[in-house]
Amino acid sequence: MKQKLITMLRTAVGGVALAGLLSGCAWSIGEGTEKKTLSQPTQGQELIDLKKAKDQGAITDEEYNHQRQKLLNQ
């Protein structure tokens, strides 16, 4: 159980960090005329995902508050 929580924490924090690095960017995938653009999550979606991670016990209240402040200060 502890290992599962650690994995969930790493995933949540890593996702938030990656989203912060890539905010405002879009990736194009495919060749030729058929290109699909993947949009980045909005700040609101990132906050929702962060809250879910906290509610599921993947991150502590302290980690949640720290990451939330970082998102709101962007």
N, C-alpha and C. Protein backbone atom coordinates (compact mmCIF):
# COMPACT_ATOMS: atom_id res chain seq x y z
N MET A 1 0.82 -1.19 0.00
CA MET A 1 0.00 0.00 0.00
C MET A 1 0.87 1.26 0.00
N LYS A 2 1.93 1.24 0.81
CA LYS A 2 2.81 2.39 0.88
C LYS A 2 3.48 2.64 -0.47
N GLN A 3 3.90 1.56 -1.14
CA GLN A 3 4.54 1.70 -2.45
C GLN A 3 3.56 2.29 -3.46
N LYS A 4 2.30 1.90 -3.39
CA LYS A 4 1.28 2.42 -4.30
C LYS A 4 1.09 3.92 -4.09
N LEU A 5 1.08 4.35 -2.83
CA LEU A 5 0.94 5.78 -2.53
C LEU A 5 2.14 6.57 -3.03
N ILE A 6 3.32 6.00 -2.87
CA ILE A 6 4.54 6.67 -3.36
C ILE A 6 4.48 6.82 -4.87
N THR A 7 4.04 5.76 -5.55
CA THR A 7 3.93 5.81 -7.01
C THR A 7 2.90 6.85 -7.43
N MET A 8 1.75 6.89 -6.74
CA MET A 8 0.72 7.87 -7.06
C MET A 8 1.24 9.30 -6.83
N LEU A 9 1.98 9.49 -5.77
CA LEU A 9 2.55 10.80 -5.46
C LEU A 9 3.51 11.24 -6.55
N ARG A 10 4.40 10.35 -6.92
CA ARG A 10 5.37 10.69 -7.98
C ARG A 10 4.65 11.03 -9.27
N THR A 11 3.62 10.28 -9.59
CA THR A 11 2.86 10.54 -10.81
C THR A 11 2.17 11.89 -10.75
N ALA A 12 1.53 12.19 -9.63
CA ALA A 12 0.81 13.45 -9.49
C ALA A 12 1.76 14.64 -9.53
N VAL A 13 2.82 14.58 -8.76
CA VAL A 13 3.78 15.69 -8.71
C VAL A 13 4.49 15.83 -10.04
N GLY A 14 4.86 14.71 -10.63
CA GLY A 14 5.52 14.74 -11.94
C GLY A 14 4.61 15.33 -13.00
N GLY A 15 3.32 14.97 -12.95
CA GLY A 15 2.38 15.51 -13.92
C GLY A 15 2.21 17.01 -13.78
N VAL A 16 2.15 17.47 -12.56
CA VAL A 16 2.01 18.91 -12.31
C VAL A 16 3.28 19.64 -12.78
N ALA A 17 4.43 19.07 -12.48
CA ALA A 17 5.68 19.70 -12.90
C ALA A 17 5.78 19.74 -14.42
N LEU A 18 5.44 18.63 -15.07
CA LEU A 18 5.49 18.57 -16.53
C LEU A 18 4.51 19.56 -17.13
N ALA A 19 3.32 19.63 -16.59
CA ALA A 19 2.33 20.57 -17.10
C ALA A 19 2.83 22.01 -16.95
N GLY A 20 3.50 22.29 -15.85
CA GLY A 20 4.05 23.63 -15.65
C GLY A 20 5.11 23.98 -16.68
N LEU A 21 5.93 22.99 -17.01
CA LEU A 21 6.98 23.21 -18.01
C LEU A 21 6.41 23.39 -19.40
N LEU A 22 5.32 22.71 -19.68
CA LEU A 22 4.77 22.73 -21.02
C LEU A 22 3.58 23.67 -21.18
N SER A 23 3.24 24.41 -20.16
CA SER A 23 2.05 25.27 -20.25
C SER A 23 2.19 26.25 -21.41
N GLY A 24 1.11 26.37 -22.13
CA GLY A 24 1.11 27.28 -23.27
C GLY A 24 1.63 26.64 -24.55
N CYS A 25 2.03 25.41 -24.50
CA CYS A 25 2.56 24.73 -25.68
C CYS A 25 1.55 23.71 -26.18
N ALA A 26 1.69 23.35 -27.45
CA ALA A 26 0.89 22.27 -28.01
C ALA A 26 1.81 21.43 -28.88
N TRP A 27 1.56 20.15 -28.93
CA TRP A 27 2.37 19.25 -29.74
C TRP A 27 1.57 18.85 -30.95
N SER A 28 2.22 18.75 -32.09
CA SER A 28 1.57 18.24 -33.29
C SER A 28 2.03 16.82 -33.51
N ILE A 29 1.09 15.96 -33.82
CA ILE A 29 1.38 14.55 -34.01
C ILE A 29 0.85 14.14 -35.37
N GLY A 30 1.59 13.31 -36.06
CA GLY A 30 1.13 12.78 -37.33
C GLY A 30 1.97 13.28 -38.48
N GLU A 31 1.66 12.75 -39.65
CA GLU A 31 2.38 13.13 -40.85
C GLU A 31 1.44 13.77 -41.84
N GLY A 32 2.03 14.51 -42.77
CA GLY A 32 1.24 15.07 -43.86
C GLY A 32 0.19 16.05 -43.39
N THR A 33 -0.98 15.96 -44.03
CA THR A 33 -2.04 16.92 -43.74
C THR A 33 -2.84 16.56 -42.51
N GLU A 34 -2.72 15.30 -42.07
CA GLU A 34 -3.49 14.88 -40.90
C GLU A 34 -2.65 15.05 -39.64
N LYS A 35 -2.81 16.17 -39.00
CA LYS A 35 -2.09 16.42 -37.75
C LYS A 35 -3.09 16.62 -36.64
N LYS A 36 -2.81 16.02 -35.53
CA LYS A 36 -3.65 16.19 -34.35
C LYS A 36 -2.87 17.03 -33.35
N THR A 37 -3.52 17.97 -32.75
CA THR A 37 -2.89 18.83 -31.75
C THR A 37 -3.40 18.43 -30.38
N LEU A 38 -2.48 18.14 -29.48
CA LEU A 38 -2.83 17.82 -28.11
C LEU A 38 -2.72 19.11 -27.30
N SER A 39 -3.81 19.51 -26.70
CA SER A 39 -3.77 20.73 -25.89
C SER A 39 -3.39 20.38 -24.46
N GLN A 40 -2.79 21.31 -23.81
CA GLN A 40 -2.37 21.14 -22.43
C GLN A 40 -3.55 21.42 -21.51
N PRO A 41 -3.56 20.80 -20.33
CA PRO A 41 -4.66 21.03 -19.40
C PRO A 41 -4.70 22.49 -18.95
N THR A 42 -5.89 22.96 -18.69
CA THR A 42 -6.04 24.32 -18.18
C THR A 42 -5.61 24.36 -16.72
N GLN A 43 -5.43 25.55 -16.22
CA GLN A 43 -5.07 25.71 -14.81
C GLN A 43 -6.16 25.11 -13.92
N GLY A 44 -7.41 25.30 -14.32
CA GLY A 44 -8.52 24.74 -13.56
C GLY A 44 -8.46 23.22 -13.50
N GLN A 45 -8.15 22.58 -14.65
CA GLN A 45 -8.05 21.13 -14.67
C GLN A 45 -6.88 20.64 -13.82
N GLU A 46 -5.78 21.37 -13.86
CA GLU A 46 -4.63 21.00 -13.03
C GLU A 46 -5.00 21.07 -11.55
N LEU A 47 -5.76 22.10 -11.16
CA LEU A 47 -6.19 22.22 -9.77
C LEU A 47 -7.13 21.08 -9.38
N ILE A 48 -8.03 20.70 -10.29
CA ILE A 48 -8.94 19.58 -10.03
C ILE A 48 -8.14 18.28 -9.85
N ASP A 49 -7.17 18.05 -10.74
CA ASP A 49 -6.35 16.84 -10.65
C ASP A 49 -5.55 16.82 -9.35
N LEU A 50 -5.03 17.97 -8.97
CA LEU A 50 -4.27 18.07 -7.73
C LEU A 50 -5.15 17.76 -6.52
N LYS A 51 -6.37 18.27 -6.53
CA LYS A 51 -7.31 18.00 -5.43
C LYS A 51 -7.65 16.51 -5.36
N LYS A 52 -7.83 15.88 -6.51
CA LYS A 52 -8.12 14.44 -6.54
C LYS A 52 -6.96 13.66 -5.93
N ALA A 53 -5.73 14.04 -6.26
CA ALA A 53 -4.56 13.36 -5.72
C ALA A 53 -4.53 13.49 -4.20
N LYS A 54 -4.88 14.68 -3.70
CA LYS A 54 -4.93 14.89 -2.24
C LYS A 54 -6.03 14.06 -1.61
N ASP A 55 -7.22 14.08 -2.23
CA ASP A 55 -8.36 13.34 -1.69
C ASP A 55 -8.12 11.83 -1.67
N GLN A 56 -7.34 11.34 -2.62
CA GLN A 56 -7.05 9.91 -2.69
C GLN A 56 -5.87 9.52 -1.80
N GLY A 57 -5.26 10.51 -1.16
CA GLY A 57 -4.16 10.23 -0.25
C GLY A 57 -2.82 10.10 -0.94
N ALA A 58 -2.75 10.49 -2.21
CA ALA A 58 -1.49 10.38 -2.95
C ALA A 58 -0.51 11.47 -2.52
N ILE A 59 -1.01 12.60 -2.07
CA ILE A 59 -0.16 13.68 -1.58
C ILE A 59 -0.72 14.19 -0.26
N THR A 60 0.15 14.79 0.53
CA THR A 60 -0.26 15.32 1.83
C THR A 60 -0.91 16.69 1.66
N ASP A 61 -1.55 17.16 2.72
CA ASP A 61 -2.14 18.50 2.70
C ASP A 61 -1.06 19.55 2.41
N GLU A 62 0.09 19.37 3.02
CA GLU A 62 1.19 20.32 2.82
C GLU A 62 1.63 20.35 1.36
N GLU A 63 1.80 19.17 0.75
CA GLU A 63 2.19 19.10 -0.66
C GLU A 63 1.11 19.71 -1.56
N TYR A 64 -0.15 19.42 -1.23
CA TYR A 64 -1.27 19.97 -1.99
C TYR A 64 -1.24 21.50 -1.95
N ASN A 65 -1.10 22.05 -0.76
CA ASN A 65 -1.10 23.51 -0.62
C ASN A 65 0.07 24.14 -1.35
N HIS A 66 1.24 23.50 -1.29
CA HIS A 66 2.42 24.03 -1.98
C HIS A 66 2.21 24.02 -3.50
N GLN A 67 1.77 22.90 -4.05
CA GLN A 67 1.55 22.79 -5.50
C GLN A 67 0.42 23.72 -5.95
N ARG A 68 -0.61 23.85 -5.13
CA ARG A 68 -1.73 24.72 -5.45
C ARG A 68 -1.27 26.18 -5.56
N GLN A 69 -0.46 26.60 -4.60
CA GLN A 69 0.07 27.96 -4.63
C GLN A 69 0.92 28.20 -5.88
N LYS A 70 1.74 27.20 -6.23
CA LYS A 70 2.56 27.33 -7.45
C LYS A 70 1.68 27.51 -8.68
N LEU A 71 0.61 26.73 -8.76
CA LEU A 71 -0.30 26.86 -9.91
C LEU A 71 -0.99 28.23 -9.94
N LEU A 72 -1.43 28.68 -8.77
CA LEU A 72 -2.14 29.95 -8.72
C LEU A 72 -1.23 31.15 -8.97
N ASN A 73 0.05 31.00 -8.73
CA ASN A 73 0.99 32.10 -8.93
C ASN A 73 1.55 32.16 -10.35
N GLN A 74 1.13 31.24 -11.20
CA GLN A 74 1.63 31.24 -12.59
C GLN A 74 1.04 32.37 -13.38
